[in-house]
């Protein structure tokens, strides 16, 4: 299953990022770099899904991508010269 989850990457003073989601407050992870933090999101999301299943809760309907073969909307930050 594919999900669209808004993510907030907050830079930390010691370096790296903490990642949270306003849609899933239980999703919290971090990484020493943006790439590492992004990679850790998958594990954090899996843990949130497992917790929701254990509690008999479902993810918000708007998080689930119904047509995985259709177009996807991605917002990202790009550095340009």
PDB file of N, CA and C in Angstrom:
ATOM      1  N   UNK A   1       0.846  -1.179   0.000  1.00  0.00           N
ATOM      2  CA  UNK A   1       0.000   0.000   0.000  1.00  0.00           C
ATOM      3  C   UNK A   1       0.891   1.241   0.000  1.00  0.00           C
ATOM      4  N   UNK A   2       0.442   2.270  -0.673  1.00  0.00           N
ATOM      5  CA  UNK A   2       1.186   3.527  -0.713  1.00  0.00           C
ATOM      6  C   UNK A   2       0.381   4.602   0.003  1.00  0.00           C
ATOM      7  N   UNK A   3       1.101   5.497   0.666  1.00  0.00           N
ATOM      8  CA  UNK A   3       0.478   6.557   1.432  1.00  0.00           C
ATOM      9  C   UNK A   3       1.104   7.892   1.086  1.00  0.00           C
ATOM     10  N   UNK A   4       0.326   8.952   1.185  1.00  0.00           N
ATOM     11  CA  UNK A   4       0.859  10.307   1.044  1.00  0.00           C
ATOM     12  C   UNK A   4       0.761  10.955   2.424  1.00  0.00           C
ATOM     13  N   UNK A   5       1.923  11.234   2.982  1.00  0.00           N
ATOM     14  CA  UNK A   5       2.013  11.728   4.343  1.00  0.00           C
ATOM     15  C   UNK A   5       2.808  13.034   4.333  1.00  0.00           C
ATOM     16  N   UNK A   6       2.238  14.130   4.842  1.00  0.00           N
ATOM     17  CA  UNK A   6       3.034  15.360   4.939  1.00  0.00           C
ATOM     18  C   UNK A   6       4.110  15.183   6.015  1.00  0.00           C
ATOM     19  N   UNK A   7       5.319  15.595   5.691  1.00  0.00           N
ATOM     20  CA  UNK A   7       6.446  15.451   6.613  1.00  0.00           C
ATOM     21  C   UNK A   7       7.078  16.809   6.877  1.00  0.00           C
ATOM     22  N   UNK A   8       7.484  17.022   8.120  1.00  0.00           N
ATOM     23  CA  UNK A   8       8.191  18.244   8.500  1.00  0.00           C
ATOM     24  C   UNK A   8       9.589  17.847   8.960  1.00  0.00           C
ATOM     25  N   UNK A   9      10.605  18.351   8.263  1.00  0.00           N
ATOM     26  CA  UNK A   9      12.006  18.095   8.601  1.00  0.00           C
ATOM     27  C   UNK A   9      12.528  19.313   9.357  1.00  0.00           C
ATOM     28  N   UNK A  10      12.773  19.156  10.641  1.00  0.00           N
ATOM     29  CA  UNK A  10      13.242  20.257  11.475  1.00  0.00           C
ATOM     30  C   UNK A  10      14.738  20.096  11.718  1.00  0.00           C
ATOM     31  N   UNK A  11      15.551  21.056  11.229  1.00  0.00           N
ATOM     32  CA  UNK A  11      17.001  20.965  11.455  1.00  0.00           C
ATOM     33  C   UNK A  11      17.297  21.051  12.955  1.00  0.00           C
ATOM     34  N   UNK A  12      18.269  20.270  13.407  1.00  0.00           N
ATOM     35  CA  UNK A  12      18.666  20.259  14.805  1.00  0.00           C
ATOM     36  C   UNK A  12      19.988  21.002  14.968  1.00  0.00           C
ATOM     37  N   UNK A  13      20.162  21.715  16.084  1.00  0.00           N
ATOM     38  CA  UNK A  13      21.393  22.500  16.282  1.00  0.00           C
ATOM     39  C   UNK A  13      22.672  21.658  16.194  1.00  0.00           C
ATOM     40  N   UNK A  14      22.601  20.413  16.636  1.00  0.00           N
ATOM     41  CA  UNK A  14      23.788  19.546  16.602  1.00  0.00           C
ATOM     42  C   UNK A  14      23.968  18.880  15.239  1.00  0.00           C
ATOM     43  N   UNK A  15      23.069  19.164  14.314  1.00  0.00           N
ATOM     44  CA  UNK A  15      23.116  18.577  12.981  1.00  0.00           C
ATOM     45  C   UNK A  15      22.016  17.546  12.813  1.00  0.00           C
ATOM     46  N   UNK A  16      21.690  17.258  11.603  1.00  0.00           N
ATOM     47  CA  UNK A  16      20.648  16.291  11.310  1.00  0.00           C
ATOM     48  C   UNK A  16      19.262  16.899  11.397  1.00  0.00           C
ATOM     49  N   UNK A  17      18.267  16.045  11.311  1.00  0.00           N
ATOM     50  CA  UNK A  17      16.871  16.482  11.254  1.00  0.00           C
ATOM     51  C   UNK A  17      16.001  15.594  12.130  1.00  0.00           C
ATOM     52  N   UNK A  18      14.976  16.193  12.708  1.00  0.00           N
ATOM     53  CA  UNK A  18      13.887  15.459  13.328  1.00  0.00           C
ATOM     54  C   UNK A  18      12.721  15.541  12.355  1.00  0.00           C
ATOM     55  N   UNK A  19      12.042  14.408  12.148  1.00  0.00           N
ATOM     56  CA  UNK A  19      10.936  14.359  11.199  1.00  0.00           C
ATOM     57  C   UNK A  19       9.645  14.060  11.958  1.00  0.00           C
ATOM     58  N   UNK A  20       8.624  14.867  11.710  1.00  0.00           N
ATOM     59  CA  UNK A  20       7.297  14.661  12.284  1.00  0.00           C
ATOM     60  C   UNK A  20       6.267  14.817  11.180  1.00  0.00           C
ATOM     61  N   UNK A  21       5.012  14.487  11.506  1.00  0.00           N
ATOM     62  CA  UNK A  21       3.932  14.637  10.539  1.00  0.00           C
ATOM     63  C   UNK A  21       2.704  15.215  11.239  1.00  0.00           C
ATOM     64  N   UNK A  22       2.143  16.308  10.693  1.00  0.00           N
ATOM     65  CA  UNK A  22       0.920  16.845  11.285  1.00  0.00           C
ATOM     66  C   UNK A  22      -0.274  15.901  11.111  1.00  0.00           C
ATOM     67  N   UNK A  23      -0.232  15.026  10.125  1.00  0.00           N
ATOM     68  CA  UNK A  23      -1.319  14.078   9.876  1.00  0.00           C
ATOM     69  C   UNK A  23      -1.255  12.888  10.827  1.00  0.00           C
ATOM     70  N   UNK A  24      -0.046  12.473  11.175  1.00  0.00           N
ATOM     71  CA  UNK A  24       0.178  11.328  12.067  1.00  0.00           C
ATOM     72  C   UNK A  24       1.102  11.765  13.198  1.00  0.00           C
ATOM     73  N   UNK A  25       0.559  12.319  14.272  1.00  0.00           N
ATOM     74  CA  UNK A  25       1.408  12.827  15.354  1.00  0.00           C
ATOM     75  C   UNK A  25       2.313  11.763  15.979  1.00  0.00           C
ATOM     76  N   UNK A  26       1.962  10.495  15.821  1.00  0.00           N
ATOM     77  CA  UNK A  26       2.772   9.408  16.362  1.00  0.00           C
ATOM     78  C   UNK A  26       4.045   9.170  15.553  1.00  0.00           C
ATOM     79  N   UNK A  27       4.104   9.701  14.350  1.00  0.00           N
ATOM     80  CA  UNK A  27       5.267   9.505  13.489  1.00  0.00           C
ATOM     81  C   UNK A  27       6.354  10.509  13.883  1.00  0.00           C
ATOM     82  N   UNK A  28       7.407  10.004  14.493  1.00  0.00           N
ATOM     83  CA  UNK A  28       8.559  10.826  14.879  1.00  0.00           C
ATOM     84  C   UNK A  28       9.806  10.001  14.608  1.00  0.00           C
ATOM     85  N   UNK A  29      10.746  10.587  13.875  1.00  0.00           N
ATOM     86  CA  UNK A  29      12.019   9.922  13.615  1.00  0.00           C
ATOM     87  C   UNK A  29      13.073  10.989  13.401  1.00  0.00           C
ATOM     88  N   UNK A  30      14.286  10.571  13.140  1.00  0.00           N
ATOM     89  CA  UNK A  30      15.369  11.527  12.935  1.00  0.00           C
ATOM     90  C   UNK A  30      16.461  10.882  12.095  1.00  0.00           C
ATOM     91  N   UNK A  31      17.421  11.694  11.712  1.00  0.00           N
ATOM     92  CA  UNK A  31      18.573  11.192  10.976  1.00  0.00           C
ATOM     93  C   UNK A  31      19.677  12.226  10.989  1.00  0.00           C
ATOM     94  N   UNK A  32      20.903  11.775  10.810  1.00  0.00           N
ATOM     95  CA  UNK A  32      22.053  12.676  10.807  1.00  0.00           C
ATOM     96  C   UNK A  32      22.145  13.507   9.534  1.00  0.00           C
ATOM     97  N   UNK A  33      21.417  13.102   8.493  1.00  0.00           N
ATOM     98  CA  UNK A  33      21.356  13.853   7.238  1.00  0.00           C
ATOM     99  C   UNK A  33      19.921  13.797   6.735  1.00  0.00           C
ATOM    100  N   UNK A  34      19.614  14.619   5.749  1.00  0.00           N
ATOM    101  CA  UNK A  34      18.264  14.583   5.174  1.00  0.00           C
ATOM    102  C   UNK A  34      17.968  13.200   4.619  1.00  0.00           C
ATOM    103  N   UNK A  35      18.921  12.631   3.878  1.00  0.00           N
ATOM    104  CA  UNK A  35      18.710  11.313   3.274  1.00  0.00           C
ATOM    105  C   UNK A  35      18.477  10.234   4.328  1.00  0.00           C
ATOM    106  N   UNK A  36      19.245  10.273   5.403  1.00  0.00           N
ATOM    107  CA  UNK A  36      19.077   9.286   6.471  1.00  0.00           C
ATOM    108  C   UNK A  36      17.720   9.471   7.163  1.00  0.00           C
ATOM    109  N   UNK A  37      17.349  10.714   7.409  1.00  0.00           N
ATOM    110  CA  UNK A  37      16.052  10.982   8.043  1.00  0.00           C
ATOM    111  C   UNK A  37      14.915  10.493   7.146  1.00  0.00           C
ATOM    112  N   UNK A  38      15.034  10.741   5.857  1.00  0.00           N
ATOM    113  CA  UNK A  38      14.001  10.286   4.920  1.00  0.00           C
ATOM    114  C   UNK A  38      13.924   8.768   4.892  1.00  0.00           C
ATOM    115  N   UNK A  39      15.061   8.106   4.923  1.00  0.00           N
ATOM    116  CA  UNK A  39      15.079   6.641   4.938  1.00  0.00           C
ATOM    117  C   UNK A  39      14.426   6.103   6.211  1.00  0.00           C
ATOM    118  N   UNK A  40      14.599   6.802   7.323  1.00  0.00           N
ATOM    119  CA  UNK A  40      14.025   6.362   8.590  1.00  0.00           C
ATOM    120  C   UNK A  40      12.511   6.557   8.647  1.00  0.00           C
ATOM    121  N   UNK A  41      11.979   7.392   7.778  1.00  0.00           N
ATOM    122  CA  UNK A  41      10.529   7.626   7.741  1.00  0.00           C
ATOM    123  C   UNK A  41       9.791   6.320   7.433  1.00  0.00           C
ATOM    124  N   UNK A  42      10.322   5.519   6.550  1.00  0.00           N
ATOM    125  CA  UNK A  42       9.657   4.259   6.183  1.00  0.00           C
ATOM    126  C   UNK A  42       9.466   3.365   7.402  1.00  0.00           C
ATOM    127  N   UNK A  43      10.524   3.223   8.216  1.00  0.00           N
ATOM    128  CA  UNK A  43      10.425   2.409   9.424  1.00  0.00           C
ATOM    129  C   UNK A  43       9.443   3.018  10.428  1.00  0.00           C
ATOM    130  N   UNK A  44       9.503   4.339  10.573  1.00  0.00           N
ATOM    131  CA  UNK A  44       8.607   5.016  11.508  1.00  0.00           C
ATOM    132  C   UNK A  44       7.156   4.852  11.067  1.00  0.00           C
ATOM    133  N   UNK A  45       6.899   4.970   9.767  1.00  0.00           N
ATOM    134  CA  UNK A  45       5.538   4.807   9.259  1.00  0.00           C
ATOM    135  C   UNK A  45       5.050   3.378   9.479  1.00  0.00           C
ATOM    136  N   UNK A  46       5.922   2.407   9.261  1.00  0.00           N
ATOM    137  CA  UNK A  46       5.547   1.008   9.491  1.00  0.00           C
ATOM    138  C   UNK A  46       5.168   0.797  10.958  1.00  0.00           C
ATOM    139  N   UNK A  47       5.912   1.421  11.876  1.00  0.00           N
ATOM    140  CA  UNK A  47       5.608   1.297  13.308  1.00  0.00           C
ATOM    141  C   UNK A  47       4.268   1.950  13.636  1.00  0.00           C
ATOM    142  N   UNK A  48       3.987   3.095  13.029  1.00  0.00           N
ATOM    143  CA  UNK A  48       2.700   3.771  13.264  1.00  0.00           C
ATOM    144  C   UNK A  48       1.553   2.918  12.734  1.00  0.00           C
ATOM    145  N   UNK A  49       1.717   2.355  11.545  1.00  0.00           N
ATOM    146  CA  UNK A  49       0.667   1.500  10.969  1.00  0.00           C
ATOM    147  C   UNK A  49       0.417   0.296  11.872  1.00  0.00           C
ATOM    148  N   UNK A  50       1.485  -0.317  12.366  1.00  0.00           N
ATOM    149  CA  UNK A  50       1.338  -1.473  13.261  1.00  0.00           C
ATOM    150  C   UNK A  50       0.611  -1.073  14.549  1.00  0.00           C
ATOM    151  N   UNK A  51       0.970   0.071  15.100  1.00  0.00           N
ATOM    152  CA  UNK A  51       0.306   0.557  16.315  1.00  0.00           C
ATOM    153  C   UNK A  51      -1.175   0.798  16.061  1.00  0.00           C
ATOM    154  N   UNK A  52      -1.487   1.438  14.943  1.00  0.00           N
ATOM    155  CA  UNK A  52      -2.891   1.696  14.599  1.00  0.00           C
ATOM    156  C   UNK A  52      -3.650   0.375  14.468  1.00  0.00           C
ATOM    157  N   UNK A  53      -3.050  -0.602  13.811  1.00  0.00           N
ATOM    158  CA  UNK A  53      -3.707  -1.906  13.660  1.00  0.00           C
ATOM    159  C   UNK A  53      -3.950  -2.549  15.016  1.00  0.00           C
ATOM    160  N   UNK A  54      -2.955  -2.491  15.908  1.00  0.00           N
ATOM    161  CA  UNK A  54      -3.103  -3.065  17.250  1.00  0.00           C
ATOM    162  C   UNK A  54      -4.232  -2.394  18.023  1.00  0.00           C
ATOM    163  N   UNK A  55      -4.427  -1.098  17.778  1.00  0.00           N
ATOM    164  CA  UNK A  55      -5.464  -0.340  18.476  1.00  0.00           C
ATOM    165  C   UNK A  55      -6.815  -0.381  17.757  1.00  0.00           C
ATOM    166  N   UNK A  56      -6.849  -1.035  16.599  1.00  0.00           N
ATOM    167  CA  UNK A  56      -8.087  -1.098  15.827  1.00  0.00           C
ATOM    168  C   UNK A  56      -8.428   0.212  15.139  1.00  0.00           C
ATOM    169  N   UNK A  57      -7.429   1.061  14.948  1.00  0.00           N
ATOM    170  CA  UNK A  57      -7.625   2.349  14.274  1.00  0.00           C
ATOM    171  C   UNK A  57      -7.168   2.228  12.823  1.00  0.00           C
ATOM    172  N   UNK A  58      -7.700   3.063  11.985  1.00  0.00           N
ATOM    173  CA  UNK A  58      -7.233   3.106  10.603  1.00  0.00           C
ATOM    174  C   UNK A  58      -6.551   4.447  10.364  1.00  0.00           C
ATOM    175  N   UNK A  59      -5.651   4.444   9.388  1.00  0.00           N
ATOM    176  CA  UNK A  59      -5.009   5.701   9.016  1.00  0.00           C
ATOM    177  C   UNK A  59      -6.059   6.634   8.427  1.00  0.00           C
ATOM    178  N   UNK A  60      -5.826   7.935   8.493  1.00  0.00           N
ATOM    179  CA  UNK A  60      -6.779   8.861   7.868  1.00  0.00           C
ATOM    180  C   UNK A  60      -6.995   8.483   6.402  1.00  0.00           C
ATOM    181  N   UNK A  61      -8.246   8.557   5.953  1.00  0.00           N
ATOM    182  CA  UNK A  61      -8.573   8.145   4.581  1.00  0.00           C
ATOM    183  C   UNK A  61      -7.782   8.905   3.539  1.00  0.00           C
ATOM    184  N   UNK A  62      -7.524  10.174   3.790  1.00  0.00           N
ATOM    185  CA  UNK A  62      -6.814  10.970   2.790  1.00  0.00           C
ATOM    186  C   UNK A  62      -5.318  10.637   2.721  1.00  0.00           C
ATOM    187  N   UNK A  63      -4.818   9.739   3.587  1.00  0.00           N
ATOM    188  CA  UNK A  63      -3.415   9.341   3.544  1.00  0.00           C
ATOM    189  C   UNK A  63      -3.177   8.205   2.564  1.00  0.00           C
ATOM    190  N   UNK A  64      -4.188   7.435   2.290  1.00  0.00           N
ATOM    191  CA  UNK A  64      -4.040   6.262   1.436  1.00  0.00           C
ATOM    192  C   UNK A  64      -4.163   6.661  -0.034  1.00  0.00           C
ATOM    193  N   UNK A  65      -3.243   6.193  -0.856  1.00  0.00           N
ATOM    194  CA  UNK A  65      -3.310   6.452  -2.293  1.00  0.00           C
ATOM    195  C   UNK A  65      -4.149   5.340  -2.904  1.00  0.00           C
ATOM    196  N   UNK A  66      -5.285   5.709  -3.433  1.00  0.00           N
ATOM    197  CA  UNK A  66      -6.220   4.728  -3.970  1.00  0.00           C
ATOM    198  C   UNK A  66      -5.756   4.155  -5.309  1.00  0.00           C
ATOM    199  N   UNK A  67      -5.200   5.002  -6.161  1.00  0.00           N
ATOM    200  CA  UNK A  67      -4.771   4.566  -7.496  1.00  0.00           C
ATOM    201  C   UNK A  67      -3.256   4.710  -7.590  1.00  0.00           C
ATOM    202  N   UNK A  68      -2.536   3.661  -7.185  1.00  0.00           N
ATOM    203  CA  UNK A  68      -1.075   3.716  -7.174  1.00  0.00           C
ATOM    204  C   UNK A  68      -0.493   3.880  -8.574  1.00  0.00           C
ATOM    205  N   UNK A  69      -1.280   3.584  -9.614  1.00  0.00           N
ATOM    206  CA  UNK A  69      -0.801   3.737 -10.983  1.00  0.00           C
ATOM    207  C   UNK A  69      -1.054   5.127 -11.544  1.00  0.00           C
ATOM    208  N   UNK A  70      -1.772   5.946 -10.802  1.00  0.00           N
ATOM    209  CA  UNK A  70      -2.103   7.296 -11.259  1.00  0.00           C
ATOM    210  C   UNK A  70      -1.014   8.294 -10.899  1.00  0.00           C
ATOM    211  N   UNK A  71      -1.258   9.554 -11.214  1.00  0.00           N
ATOM    212  CA  UNK A  71      -0.267  10.587 -10.908  1.00  0.00           C
ATOM    213  C   UNK A  71      -0.127  10.779  -9.395  1.00  0.00           C
ATOM    214  N   UNK A  72       1.067  11.175  -8.979  1.00  0.00           N
ATOM    215  CA  UNK A  72       1.331  11.436  -7.566  1.00  0.00           C
ATOM    216  C   UNK A  72       1.820  12.867  -7.408  1.00  0.00           C
ATOM    217  N   UNK A  73       1.449  13.490  -6.319  1.00  0.00           N
ATOM    218  CA  UNK A  73       1.853  14.854  -6.023  1.00  0.00           C
ATOM    219  C   UNK A  73       2.946  14.794  -4.965  1.00  0.00           C
ATOM    220  N   UNK A  74       4.095  15.385  -5.263  1.00  0.00           N
ATOM    221  CA  UNK A  74       5.214  15.425  -4.332  1.00  0.00           C
ATOM    222  C   UNK A  74       5.709  16.852  -4.210  1.00  0.00           C
ATOM    223  N   UNK A  75       5.791  17.331  -2.984  1.00  0.00           N
ATOM    224  CA  UNK A  75       6.392  18.626  -2.730  1.00  0.00           C
ATOM    225  C   UNK A  75       7.750  18.375  -2.109  1.00  0.00           C
ATOM    226  N   UNK A  76       8.755  19.056  -2.607  1.00  0.00           N
ATOM    227  CA  UNK A  76      10.106  18.862  -2.076  1.00  0.00           C
ATOM    228  C   UNK A  76      10.870  20.173  -2.130  1.00  0.00           C
ATOM    229  N   UNK A  77      12.008  20.193  -1.505  1.00  0.00           N
ATOM    230  CA  UNK A  77      12.878  21.373  -1.507  1.00  0.00           C
ATOM    231  C   UNK A  77      14.053  21.079  -2.412  1.00  0.00           C
ATOM    232  N   UNK A  78      14.322  21.993  -3.309  1.00  0.00           N
ATOM    233  CA  UNK A  78      15.433  21.841  -4.246  1.00  0.00           C
ATOM    234  C   UNK A  78      16.304  23.080  -4.161  1.00  0.00           C
ATOM    235  N   UNK A  79      17.612  22.892  -4.072  1.00  0.00           N
ATOM    236  CA  UNK A  79      18.537  24.008  -4.062  1.00  0.00           C
ATOM    237  C   UNK A  79      19.014  24.264  -5.480  1.00  0.00           C
ATOM    238  N   UNK A  80      18.881  25.496  -5.903  1.00  0.00           N
ATOM    239  CA  UNK A  80      19.317  25.882  -7.250  1.00  0.00           C
ATOM    240  C   UNK A  80      20.364  26.978  -7.132  1.00  0.00           C
ATOM    241  N   UNK A  81      21.280  27.051  -8.099  1.00  0.00           N
ATOM    242  CA  UNK A  81      22.315  28.096  -8.028  1.00  0.00           C
ATOM    243  C   UNK A  81      21.737  29.487  -8.159  1.00  0.00           C
TER     244      UNK A  81
END
